[in-house]
N, C-alpha and C. Protein backbone atom coordinates (compact mmCIF):
# COMPACT_ATOMS: atom_id res chain seq x y z
N MET A 1 0.76 -1.11 0.16
CA MET A 1 0.10 -0.10 0.15
C MET A 1 0.94 1.09 -0.06
N SER A 2 0.90 2.17 -0.96
CA SER A 2 1.47 3.20 -1.10
C SER A 2 0.90 4.53 -0.58
N VAL A 3 1.54 5.48 -0.05
CA VAL A 3 1.16 6.69 0.45
C VAL A 3 1.62 7.68 -0.14
N PRO A 4 0.81 8.92 -0.45
CA PRO A 4 1.08 9.87 -1.73
C PRO A 4 2.13 10.32 -0.84
N ALA A 5 3.23 10.92 -1.38
CA ALA A 5 4.32 11.81 -0.94
C ALA A 5 3.87 13.22 -0.04
N GLU A 6 2.85 13.64 -0.06
CA GLU A 6 2.44 14.63 0.42
C GLU A 6 2.00 14.17 1.99
N GLU A 7 1.59 13.14 1.90
CA GLU A 7 1.29 12.73 3.34
C GLU A 7 2.25 12.47 4.61
N GLY A 8 3.54 11.99 3.82
CA GLY A 8 4.66 12.01 4.76
C GLY A 8 4.76 10.62 5.59
N LEU A 9 5.88 10.18 6.05
CA LEU A 9 5.64 9.06 6.75
C LEU A 9 5.19 9.01 8.10
N SER A 10 4.62 10.10 8.74
CA SER A 10 3.92 9.99 10.32
C SER A 10 2.69 10.08 10.05
N HIS A 11 2.02 10.30 8.95
CA HIS A 11 0.90 10.21 8.70
C HIS A 11 0.38 8.67 8.61
N ASP A 12 1.15 8.04 7.98
CA ASP A 12 0.78 6.33 8.14
C ASP A 12 1.87 5.61 9.02
N LEU A 13 2.31 6.41 10.09
CA LEU A 13 2.98 5.88 11.14
C LEU A 13 1.84 4.45 12.17
N PRO A 14 0.87 4.90 12.37
CA PRO A 14 -0.12 3.92 12.72
C PRO A 14 -0.30 2.68 11.95
N SER A 15 -0.25 2.54 10.69
CA SER A 15 -0.47 1.54 9.73
C SER A 15 1.03 0.77 9.77
N HIS A 16 2.32 1.55 10.06
CA HIS A 16 3.38 0.67 10.00
C HIS A 16 3.49 0.04 11.24
N PHE A 17 3.12 0.95 12.38
CA PHE A 17 3.40 0.23 13.81
C PHE A 17 2.33 -1.09 13.75
N ALA A 18 1.23 -0.88 13.46
CA ALA A 18 -0.17 -2.10 13.32
C ALA A 18 0.65 -3.05 12.66
N ARG A 19 1.30 -2.94 11.63
CA ARG A 19 1.99 -4.10 10.68
C ARG A 19 2.98 -4.86 11.50
N ILE A 20 3.96 -4.25 12.11
CA ILE A 20 5.13 -4.43 12.80
C ILE A 20 4.62 -5.18 14.00
N ALA A 21 3.86 -4.69 14.88
CA ALA A 21 3.13 -5.10 16.02
C ALA A 21 2.36 -6.40 15.81
N SER A 22 1.82 -6.42 14.83
CA SER A 22 0.71 -7.77 14.55
C SER A 22 1.84 -8.74 13.92
N ALA A 23 2.75 -8.53 13.15
CA ALA A 23 3.71 -9.69 12.76
C ALA A 23 4.14 -10.05 13.85
N TRP A 24 4.70 -9.12 14.80
CA TRP A 24 5.31 -9.90 16.30
C TRP A 24 4.30 -10.82 16.79
N PHE A 25 3.30 -10.30 17.22
CA PHE A 25 2.50 -11.09 17.99
C PHE A 25 2.00 -12.26 17.25
N VAL A 26 1.61 -12.31 15.89
CA VAL A 26 1.30 -13.69 15.23
C VAL A 26 2.74 -14.24 15.38
N LEU A 27 3.85 -14.15 14.98
CA LEU A 27 5.08 -14.95 15.30
C LEU A 27 5.18 -15.36 16.78
N LEU A 28 4.76 -14.53 17.62
CA LEU A 28 5.11 -14.99 19.01
C LEU A 28 3.91 -16.16 19.23
N GLY A 29 2.90 -15.54 18.82
CA GLY A 29 1.62 -16.55 18.99
C GLY A 29 1.82 -18.19 18.52
N LEU A 30 2.13 -18.33 17.15
CA LEU A 30 2.40 -19.16 16.58
C LEU A 30 3.21 -20.21 17.28
N VAL A 31 4.56 -19.57 17.42
CA VAL A 31 5.69 -20.41 17.90
C VAL A 31 5.17 -20.71 19.38
N GLY A 32 4.64 -19.89 20.14
CA GLY A 32 4.19 -20.25 21.64
C GLY A 32 3.39 -21.53 21.11
N VAL A 33 2.05 -21.56 20.34
CA VAL A 33 1.31 -22.46 20.38
C VAL A 33 2.07 -23.90 19.78
N LEU A 34 2.77 -23.65 18.94
CA LEU A 34 3.54 -24.87 18.37
C LEU A 34 4.54 -25.27 19.42
N LEU A 35 5.14 -24.76 20.44
CA LEU A 35 5.87 -25.05 21.41
C LEU A 35 5.16 -25.49 22.56
N VAL A 36 4.24 -24.84 23.03
CA VAL A 36 3.61 -25.09 24.38
C VAL A 36 2.16 -26.13 24.10
N GLY A 37 1.74 -25.75 22.86
CA GLY A 37 0.65 -26.75 22.54
C GLY A 37 -0.69 -26.13 23.48
N PHE A 38 -1.92 -26.58 23.26
CA PHE A 38 -3.28 -25.92 23.55
C PHE A 38 -3.56 -26.13 25.17
N GLY A 39 -2.55 -26.95 25.81
CA GLY A 39 -3.05 -26.85 27.17
C GLY A 39 -1.72 -27.03 27.91
N GLY A 40 -0.61 -27.11 27.59
CA GLY A 40 0.69 -26.99 28.16
C GLY A 40 1.26 -26.01 29.29
N GLY A 41 1.91 -26.17 30.27
CA GLY A 41 2.55 -25.60 30.95
C GLY A 41 3.49 -24.26 30.58
N PRO A 42 4.01 -23.51 31.38
CA PRO A 42 4.77 -22.31 30.67
C PRO A 42 6.41 -23.21 30.31
N ARG A 43 6.49 -22.52 29.09
CA ARG A 43 8.01 -22.89 28.34
C ARG A 43 8.71 -21.68 28.09
N ALA A 44 9.94 -21.77 27.81
CA ALA A 44 10.90 -20.73 27.73
C ALA A 44 10.56 -20.61 26.13
N LEU A 45 10.59 -19.17 25.70
CA LEU A 45 10.47 -19.02 24.00
C LEU A 45 11.21 -17.60 24.19
N PHE A 46 12.16 -17.52 23.25
CA PHE A 46 12.98 -16.50 23.13
C PHE A 46 13.66 -16.30 24.50
N TRP A 47 13.27 -14.96 24.98
CA TRP A 47 13.90 -14.49 26.29
C TRP A 47 13.01 -14.61 27.24
N MET A 48 11.69 -15.11 27.01
CA MET A 48 10.85 -15.19 28.12
C MET A 48 9.98 -16.35 28.23
N GLU A 49 8.96 -16.57 29.06
CA GLU A 49 8.30 -17.78 29.30
C GLU A 49 6.62 -17.50 28.88
N VAL A 50 6.20 -18.45 27.95
CA VAL A 50 4.97 -18.39 27.70
C VAL A 50 4.32 -19.42 28.22
N ASP A 51 2.97 -19.38 28.00
CA ASP A 51 2.04 -20.44 28.26
C ASP A 51 1.02 -20.70 27.13
N SER A 52 -0.02 -21.42 27.34
CA SER A 52 -0.74 -21.77 26.06
C SER A 52 -1.76 -20.60 25.96
N THR A 53 -2.11 -20.12 27.23
CA THR A 53 -3.25 -18.93 27.13
C THR A 53 -2.64 -17.50 26.65
N SER A 54 -1.34 -17.52 27.07
CA SER A 54 -0.93 -16.33 26.34
C SER A 54 -0.64 -16.24 25.03
N SER A 55 -0.28 -17.58 24.76
CA SER A 55 0.30 -17.56 23.01
C SER A 55 -0.77 -17.68 22.41
N MET A 56 -2.09 -18.01 22.96
CA MET A 56 -3.34 -17.92 22.05
C MET A 56 -3.89 -16.40 21.83
N LEU A 57 -3.73 -15.48 23.22
CA LEU A 57 -4.02 -14.52 22.99
C LEU A 57 -3.12 -13.27 22.29
N HIS A 58 -1.86 -13.78 22.16
CA HIS A 58 -0.91 -13.22 21.39
C HIS A 58 -1.36 -13.48 19.93
N LEU A 59 -1.57 -14.68 19.63
CA LEU A 59 -1.91 -14.99 18.38
C LEU A 59 -3.35 -14.13 17.78
N ALA A 60 -4.11 -14.19 18.58
CA ALA A 60 -5.48 -13.50 18.19
C ALA A 60 -5.13 -11.76 18.06
N ILE A 61 -4.47 -11.40 19.16
CA ILE A 61 -4.02 -10.01 18.88
C ILE A 61 -3.29 -9.94 17.25
N GLY A 62 -2.14 -10.69 17.37
CA GLY A 62 -1.73 -10.37 15.91
C GLY A 62 -2.67 -10.79 14.90
N LEU A 63 -3.43 -11.79 14.80
CA LEU A 63 -4.40 -12.14 13.27
C LEU A 63 -5.23 -10.65 13.39
N VAL A 64 -5.76 -10.32 14.40
CA VAL A 64 -6.86 -9.04 14.29
C VAL A 64 -6.08 -7.87 13.86
N GLY A 65 -4.67 -7.74 14.22
CA GLY A 65 -4.06 -6.53 13.81
C GLY A 65 -3.47 -6.56 12.25
N VAL A 66 -3.42 -7.74 11.77
CA VAL A 66 -3.35 -7.79 10.25
C VAL A 66 -4.24 -7.44 9.54
N ALA A 67 -5.38 -8.09 10.18
CA ALA A 67 -6.70 -7.96 9.46
C ALA A 67 -6.97 -6.10 9.37
N MET A 68 -6.66 -5.58 10.57
CA MET A 68 -6.98 -4.32 10.71
C MET A 68 -5.87 -3.22 10.05
N SER A 69 -4.79 -3.81 9.57
CA SER A 69 -3.64 -2.91 9.18
C SER A 69 -3.85 -2.80 7.58
N THR A 70 -5.09 -3.18 7.27
CA THR A 70 -5.16 -3.07 5.71
C THR A 70 -5.51 -1.66 5.11
N THR A 71 -5.94 -0.92 5.86
CA THR A 71 -6.25 0.49 5.67
C THR A 71 -5.91 1.43 6.66
N PRO A 72 -5.08 2.83 6.50
CA PRO A 72 -4.56 3.37 7.53
C PRO A 72 -5.52 3.56 8.60
N ALA A 73 -6.86 3.96 8.34
CA ALA A 73 -7.90 4.33 9.42
C ALA A 73 -8.14 3.14 10.26
N ARG A 74 -7.98 2.00 9.66
CA ARG A 74 -8.58 0.65 10.57
C ARG A 74 -6.86 0.55 11.29
N ALA A 75 -6.12 0.67 10.89
CA ALA A 75 -4.90 0.50 11.31
C ALA A 75 -4.59 1.76 12.68
N ARG A 76 -5.13 2.73 12.33
CA ARG A 76 -4.89 3.76 13.39
C ARG A 76 -6.03 3.20 14.64
N ARG A 77 -7.34 2.79 14.52
CA ARG A 77 -8.05 2.21 15.03
C ARG A 77 -7.66 1.23 16.14
N PHE A 78 -7.07 0.33 15.30
CA PHE A 78 -6.10 -0.92 16.08
C PHE A 78 -5.09 -0.48 17.30
N THR A 79 -4.40 0.61 16.65
CA THR A 79 -3.51 1.31 17.37
C THR A 79 -3.99 1.80 18.54
N ILE A 80 -5.03 2.46 18.31
CA ILE A 80 -5.74 3.37 19.46
C ILE A 80 -6.33 2.26 20.48
N VAL A 81 -6.69 1.17 20.05
CA VAL A 81 -7.17 0.21 21.20
C VAL A 81 -5.96 -0.64 21.53
N ILE A 82 -5.03 -1.01 20.86
CA ILE A 82 -4.07 -2.03 21.48
C ILE A 82 -3.05 -1.37 22.13
N GLY A 83 -2.64 -0.16 21.95
CA GLY A 83 -1.74 0.53 22.85
C GLY A 83 -2.22 0.29 24.56
N PRO A 84 -3.26 1.21 24.89
CA PRO A 84 -3.71 1.13 25.88
C PRO A 84 -3.85 0.00 26.55
N ALA A 85 -4.47 -1.04 25.77
CA ALA A 85 -4.93 -2.43 26.16
C ALA A 85 -3.58 -3.30 26.71
N LEU A 86 -2.71 -2.86 25.91
CA LEU A 86 -1.20 -3.95 26.36
C LEU A 86 -0.87 -3.23 27.63
N VAL A 87 -0.81 -1.96 27.76
CA VAL A 87 -0.26 -1.20 29.19
C VAL A 87 -1.18 -1.61 30.32
N ILE A 88 -2.43 -1.80 30.10
CA ILE A 88 -3.13 -2.32 31.12
C ILE A 88 -2.75 -3.57 31.38
N TRP A 89 -2.83 -4.36 30.46
CA TRP A 89 -2.36 -5.98 30.45
C TRP A 89 -1.21 -6.04 31.38
N ALA A 90 0.03 -5.23 30.81
CA ALA A 90 1.29 -5.23 31.87
C ALA A 90 0.88 -4.76 33.10
N LEU A 91 0.37 -3.81 33.55
CA LEU A 91 0.22 -3.19 34.60
C LEU A 91 -0.67 -4.04 35.66
N LEU A 92 -1.54 -5.02 35.13
CA LEU A 92 -2.38 -5.67 36.13
C LEU A 92 -1.32 -7.24 36.19
N ALA A 93 -0.87 -7.41 35.19
CA ALA A 93 0.46 -8.47 35.48
C ALA A 93 1.15 -8.35 36.70
N LEU A 94 1.86 -6.84 36.45
CA LEU A 94 2.77 -6.32 37.48
C LEU A 94 2.26 -6.25 38.82
N VAL A 95 1.14 -5.46 38.96
CA VAL A 95 0.34 -5.22 40.36
C VAL A 95 -0.16 -6.56 40.97
N THR A 96 -0.66 -7.74 40.29
CA THR A 96 -0.99 -8.77 40.92
C THR A 96 0.39 -9.86 40.78
N ASP A 97 1.18 -9.67 40.51
CA ASP A 97 2.41 -10.49 40.45
C ASP A 97 1.89 -11.77 39.83
N GLY A 98 1.12 -11.85 38.67
CA GLY A 98 0.82 -13.13 38.21
C GLY A 98 -0.11 -14.05 38.67
N SER A 99 -0.99 -13.49 39.76
CA SER A 99 -1.95 -14.19 40.66
C SER A 99 -3.24 -14.30 39.89
N LEU A 100 -3.23 -13.81 38.57
CA LEU A 100 -4.54 -13.68 37.74
C LEU A 100 -4.82 -14.80 36.90
N GLY A 101 -3.62 -15.55 36.89
CA GLY A 101 -3.66 -17.05 36.25
C GLY A 101 -2.66 -16.57 34.78
N GLU A 102 -2.76 -17.58 34.06
CA GLU A 102 -1.96 -17.66 32.90
C GLU A 102 -2.04 -16.36 31.84
N TRP A 103 -3.10 -16.07 31.78
CA TRP A 103 -3.36 -14.90 31.00
C TRP A 103 -2.41 -13.43 31.14
N ALA A 104 -2.46 -13.32 32.45
CA ALA A 104 -1.61 -12.23 33.10
C ALA A 104 -0.32 -12.69 33.69
N SER A 105 0.66 -13.27 33.20
CA SER A 105 1.78 -13.84 33.54
C SER A 105 2.75 -12.55 34.06
N GLY A 106 3.14 -13.34 35.18
CA GLY A 106 4.12 -12.42 36.18
C GLY A 106 5.45 -12.25 35.57
N ASP A 107 5.86 -13.10 34.69
CA ASP A 107 7.40 -13.06 33.98
C ASP A 107 7.24 -11.43 33.32
N THR A 108 8.83 -10.83 33.97
CA THR A 108 9.05 -9.97 33.98
C THR A 108 9.45 -9.32 32.38
N GLN A 109 9.93 -10.54 31.71
CA GLN A 109 10.10 -10.16 30.25
C GLN A 109 8.91 -9.85 29.34
N VAL A 110 7.73 -10.52 29.60
CA VAL A 110 6.32 -10.41 28.75
C VAL A 110 6.00 -9.35 29.49
N VAL A 111 5.92 -8.79 30.76
CA VAL A 111 5.46 -7.62 31.01
C VAL A 111 6.32 -6.48 30.34
N ALA A 112 7.28 -6.55 30.35
CA ALA A 112 8.09 -5.64 29.80
C ALA A 112 7.99 -5.30 28.43
N MET A 113 7.71 -6.55 27.65
CA MET A 113 7.46 -6.50 26.17
C MET A 113 5.87 -5.93 25.86
N HIS A 114 5.30 -6.22 26.80
CA HIS A 114 3.84 -5.41 26.85
C HIS A 114 3.66 -4.23 26.78
N LEU A 115 4.50 -3.83 27.94
CA LEU A 115 4.55 -2.43 28.33
C LEU A 115 5.06 -1.58 27.41
N LEU A 116 6.15 -1.78 26.57
CA LEU A 116 6.76 -1.11 25.72
C LEU A 116 6.04 -1.19 24.41
N ILE A 117 5.63 -2.20 24.04
CA ILE A 117 4.80 -2.09 22.76
C ILE A 117 3.37 -1.37 22.80
N GLY A 118 3.07 -1.61 24.21
CA GLY A 118 1.48 -0.71 24.39
C GLY A 118 1.96 0.88 24.24
N LEU A 119 3.27 1.29 25.32
CA LEU A 119 3.69 2.83 25.17
C LEU A 119 4.04 3.25 23.66
N ALA A 120 4.48 2.35 22.90
CA ALA A 120 5.08 2.57 21.82
C ALA A 120 3.64 2.97 20.72
N GLY A 121 2.81 2.07 21.09
CA GLY A 121 1.40 2.55 20.40
C GLY A 121 0.80 3.62 20.75
N ILE A 122 0.58 4.11 21.83
CA ILE A 122 0.00 5.35 22.24
C ILE A 122 1.13 6.36 21.85
N ALA A 123 2.43 6.19 21.93
CA ALA A 123 3.16 7.33 21.31
C ALA A 123 2.87 7.55 19.97
N VAL A 124 2.75 6.54 19.09
CA VAL A 124 2.35 6.57 17.81
C VAL A 124 1.07 7.34 17.48
N ILE A 125 0.05 7.04 18.34
CA ILE A 125 -1.07 7.99 18.30
C ILE A 125 -1.11 9.31 18.27
N TRP A 126 -0.27 9.82 19.33
CA TRP A 126 0.27 11.00 19.93
C TRP A 126 1.03 12.15 18.73
N VAL A 127 1.68 11.44 17.85
CA VAL A 127 2.44 11.71 16.73
C VAL A 127 1.43 12.46 15.80
N PRO A 128 1.17 13.80 15.74
CA PRO A 128 0.62 14.42 14.90
C PRO A 128 1.32 14.27 13.34
N PRO A 129 0.22 14.09 12.29
CA PRO A 129 0.33 13.87 10.95
C PRO A 129 1.30 14.96 10.50
N VAL A 130 2.45 14.82 9.57
CA VAL A 130 2.76 15.84 8.77
C VAL A 130 2.29 16.59 7.89
N THR A 131 2.02 17.53 7.82
CA THR A 131 1.43 18.12 6.17
C THR A 131 2.27 18.87 5.70
N ARG A 132 2.58 18.88 4.30
CA ARG A 132 3.23 19.85 3.69
C ARG A 132 2.55 20.74 2.86
N ILE A 133 2.87 22.20 3.33
CA ILE A 133 2.36 23.27 2.40
C ILE A 133 3.14 23.54 1.17
N ARG A 134 2.46 23.48 0.27
CA ARG A 134 3.29 23.57 -1.13
C ARG A 134 3.27 25.33 -1.20
N ALA A 135 4.62 25.74 -1.46
CA ALA A 135 4.71 27.24 -1.64
C ALA A 135 4.36 27.51 -3.05
N PRO A 136 3.73 28.52 -3.08
CA PRO A 136 3.52 29.00 -4.23
C PRO A 136 4.28 29.18 -5.37
N GLY A 137 3.81 28.60 -6.59
CA GLY A 137 4.86 28.68 -7.51
C GLY A 137 4.20 29.14 -8.90
N ARG A 138 4.93 29.16 -9.96
CA ARG A 138 4.38 29.64 -11.00
C ARG A 138 3.46 28.66 -11.86
N ALA A 139 2.47 29.02 -12.31
CA ALA A 139 1.42 28.14 -13.13
C ALA A 139 2.44 27.45 -14.19
N SER A 140 2.01 26.19 -14.49
CA SER A 140 2.55 25.65 -15.41
C SER A 140 2.22 26.34 -16.93
N THR A 141 2.97 26.37 -17.86
CA THR A 141 2.72 27.01 -19.14
C THR A 141 2.67 25.82 -20.42
N ARG A 142 3.11 24.75 -19.87
CA ARG A 142 2.74 23.69 -20.87
C ARG A 142 1.62 23.40 -21.38
N ARG A 143 1.52 23.06 -22.47
CA ARG A 143 0.29 22.72 -23.17
C ARG A 143 0.02 21.45 -23.62
């Protein structure tokens, strides 16, 4: 999907964020489900510990993000929702120290990942779109 040059990079920043975050969550979810299965206990994945519930949630977030990142407007909506949701998810896991069950793991690396991606999503939404003002120029005399 191409963006007109006048709109600039930051206009489509939510689309880029949605694609990157969605790809990461799909990868994390798929590898987690393949590694742990649908009912297995926690296992080490990359640098963090995952379980079946969090892997399926990551996969669902990723697949929704892939579907939502098809247009800039939908990607922006996804980013508006997923940013704060990931921050809340991370804070709940941090405050409860993982006592809410598998979906809110107390694993520090998972909490940090959710917090960083969520804060990045919030930051992306706050970045105002860049608009270029065309300098007045001579009218074209080509016929």
